[in-house]
């Protein structure tokens, strides 16, 4: 018998019982001080108190943040502008 791609039971959770992260788009950026960050647009359907259906997730060694709202053209923004959206959301 075939097991659904998401594992047994609901396909929206992995075996740990946590919602799986659905990333629609992503890119890699470096902050001014050279800290590498991964930025991804993720589904927020299962995020409690989500402020929209999707969010940006900024992740590096020291932080992981969800950002709502975010620029529609975030994949084309210069790195400095994209990184400023963490501190200055629109």
C-alpha atoms as a PDB file:
ATOM      1  CA  UNK A   1       0.000   0.000   0.000  1.00  0.00           C
ATOM      2  CA  UNK A   2       1.383   3.402  -0.978  1.00  0.00           C
ATOM      3  CA  UNK A   3       1.891   6.027   1.736  1.00  0.00           C
ATOM      4  CA  UNK A   4       0.936   9.635   0.848  1.00  0.00           C
ATOM      5  CA  UNK A   5       3.951  11.892   0.181  1.00  0.00           C
ATOM      6  CA  UNK A   6       3.367  13.788   3.429  1.00  0.00           C
ATOM      7  CA  UNK A   7       3.532  10.586   5.476  1.00  0.00           C
ATOM      8  CA  UNK A   8       0.775   8.563   7.069  1.00  0.00           C
ATOM      9  CA  UNK A   9      -2.487  10.328   7.776  1.00  0.00           C
ATOM     10  CA  UNK A  10      -2.704  13.997   6.861  1.00  0.00           C
ATOM     11  CA  UNK A  11      -0.416  15.161   4.082  1.00  0.00           C
ATOM     12  CA  UNK A  12      -0.021  18.543   5.806  1.00  0.00           C
ATOM     13  CA  UNK A  13       2.102  17.217   8.686  1.00  0.00           C
ATOM     14  CA  UNK A  14       5.327  15.263   8.818  1.00  0.00           C
ATOM     15  CA  UNK A  15       5.941  12.428  11.254  1.00  0.00           C
ATOM     16  CA  UNK A  16       6.839  14.815  14.099  1.00  0.00           C
ATOM     17  CA  UNK A  17       3.299  16.202  14.203  1.00  0.00           C
ATOM     18  CA  UNK A  18       4.418  19.696  13.170  1.00  0.00           C
ATOM     19  CA  UNK A  19       3.114  21.403  10.013  1.00  0.00           C
ATOM     20  CA  UNK A  20       5.490  20.926   7.108  1.00  0.00           C
ATOM     21  CA  UNK A  21       6.991  24.073   5.624  1.00  0.00           C
ATOM     22  CA  UNK A  22       5.812  24.692   2.068  1.00  0.00           C
ATOM     23  CA  UNK A  23       8.272  27.017   0.313  1.00  0.00           C
ATOM     24  CA  UNK A  24       7.076  28.594  -2.957  1.00  0.00           C
ATOM     25  CA  UNK A  25      10.228  30.589  -3.790  1.00  0.00           C
ATOM     26  CA  UNK A  26      13.563  31.227  -2.112  1.00  0.00           C
ATOM     27  CA  UNK A  27      16.824  33.080  -2.458  1.00  0.00           C
ATOM     28  CA  UNK A  28      20.119  33.557  -0.653  1.00  0.00           C
ATOM     29  CA  UNK A  29      21.294  36.994   0.534  1.00  0.00           C
ATOM     30  CA  UNK A  30      24.150  38.426   2.634  1.00  0.00           C
ATOM     31  CA  UNK A  31      23.703  41.181   5.189  1.00  0.00           C
ATOM     32  CA  UNK A  32      26.087  44.163   5.254  1.00  0.00           C
ATOM     33  CA  UNK A  33      28.301  42.412   7.775  1.00  0.00           C
ATOM     34  CA  UNK A  34      28.430  39.335   5.531  1.00  0.00           C
ATOM     35  CA  UNK A  35      25.993  37.154   7.463  1.00  0.00           C
ATOM     36  CA  UNK A  36      24.357  34.718   5.052  1.00  0.00           C
ATOM     37  CA  UNK A  37      20.563  34.455   5.144  1.00  0.00           C
ATOM     38  CA  UNK A  38      18.062  32.268   3.385  1.00  0.00           C
ATOM     39  CA  UNK A  39      14.806  33.961   2.462  1.00  0.00           C
ATOM     40  CA  UNK A  40      11.778  31.945   1.452  1.00  0.00           C
ATOM     41  CA  UNK A  41       8.136  32.623   0.682  1.00  0.00           C
ATOM     42  CA  UNK A  42       6.139  30.104   2.672  1.00  0.00           C
ATOM     43  CA  UNK A  43       2.550  29.071   3.085  1.00  0.00           C
ATOM     44  CA  UNK A  44       1.107  30.344   6.353  1.00  0.00           C
ATOM     45  CA  UNK A  45      -2.130  28.344   6.192  1.00  0.00           C
ATOM     46  CA  UNK A  46      -1.354  26.492   9.415  1.00  0.00           C
ATOM     47  CA  UNK A  47       0.381  29.334  11.272  1.00  0.00           C
ATOM     48  CA  UNK A  48      -1.648  30.507  14.276  1.00  0.00           C
ATOM     49  CA  UNK A  49      -2.619  34.190  13.986  1.00  0.00           C
ATOM     50  CA  UNK A  50      -1.140  34.467  10.479  1.00  0.00           C
ATOM     51  CA  UNK A  51      -1.512  37.905   8.915  1.00  0.00           C
ATOM     52  CA  UNK A  52      -1.898  36.516   5.402  1.00  0.00           C
ATOM     53  CA  UNK A  53      -1.890  33.287   3.373  1.00  0.00           C
ATOM     54  CA  UNK A  54       1.893  33.497   2.840  1.00  0.00           C
ATOM     55  CA  UNK A  55       4.873  35.079   4.580  1.00  0.00           C
ATOM     56  CA  UNK A  56       8.586  35.544   4.074  1.00  0.00           C
ATOM     57  CA  UNK A  57      10.863  33.567   6.341  1.00  0.00           C
ATOM     58  CA  UNK A  58      14.312  35.018   6.966  1.00  0.00           C
ATOM     59  CA  UNK A  59      16.719  32.518   8.458  1.00  0.00           C
ATOM     60  CA  UNK A  60      20.389  32.662   9.396  1.00  0.00           C
ATOM     61  CA  UNK A  61      22.586  31.352  12.179  1.00  0.00           C
ATOM     62  CA  UNK A  62      21.166  33.717  14.809  1.00  0.00           C
ATOM     63  CA  UNK A  63      17.520  34.377  13.778  1.00  0.00           C
ATOM     64  CA  UNK A  64      14.489  33.005  12.034  1.00  0.00           C
ATOM     65  CA  UNK A  65      11.660  35.490  11.407  1.00  0.00           C
ATOM     66  CA  UNK A  66       8.358  35.492   9.587  1.00  0.00           C
ATOM     67  CA  UNK A  67       7.473  38.775   7.870  1.00  0.00           C
ATOM     68  CA  UNK A  68       4.005  40.025   6.897  1.00  0.00           C
ATOM     69  CA  UNK A  69       3.268  41.901   4.720  1.00  0.00           C
ATOM     70  CA  UNK A  70       6.190  41.822   2.344  1.00  0.00           C
ATOM     71  CA  UNK A  71       7.003  43.348  -1.056  1.00  0.00           C
ATOM     72  CA  UNK A  72       5.304  41.590  -3.971  1.00  0.00           C
ATOM     73  CA  UNK A  73       8.540  41.771  -5.984  1.00  0.00           C
ATOM     74  CA  UNK A  74      10.786  40.522  -3.162  1.00  0.00           C
ATOM     75  CA  UNK A  75      12.611  38.071  -5.446  1.00  0.00           C
ATOM     76  CA  UNK A  76      13.861  40.983  -7.589  1.00  0.00           C
ATOM     77  CA  UNK A  77      14.680  43.507  -4.855  1.00  0.00           C
ATOM     78  CA  UNK A  78      18.293  44.447  -4.138  1.00  0.00           C
ATOM     79  CA  UNK A  79      19.599  42.564  -1.103  1.00  0.00           C
ATOM     80  CA  UNK A  80      19.757  45.705   1.056  1.00  0.00           C
ATOM     81  CA  UNK A  81      16.091  46.527   0.382  1.00  0.00           C
ATOM     82  CA  UNK A  82      14.962  42.982   1.032  1.00  0.00           C
ATOM     83  CA  UNK A  83      16.897  42.774   4.286  1.00  0.00           C
ATOM     84  CA  UNK A  84      15.472  46.114   5.442  1.00  0.00           C
ATOM     85  CA  UNK A  85      11.978  44.613   5.208  1.00  0.00           C
ATOM     86  CA  UNK A  86      12.810  42.570   8.328  1.00  0.00           C
ATOM     87  CA  UNK A  87      13.149  45.749  10.386  1.00  0.00           C
ATOM     88  CA  UNK A  88      10.775  47.982   8.402  1.00  0.00           C
ATOM     89  CA  UNK A  89       7.837  45.929   7.108  1.00  0.00           C
ATOM     90  CA  UNK A  90       5.488  47.698   4.685  1.00  0.00           C
END
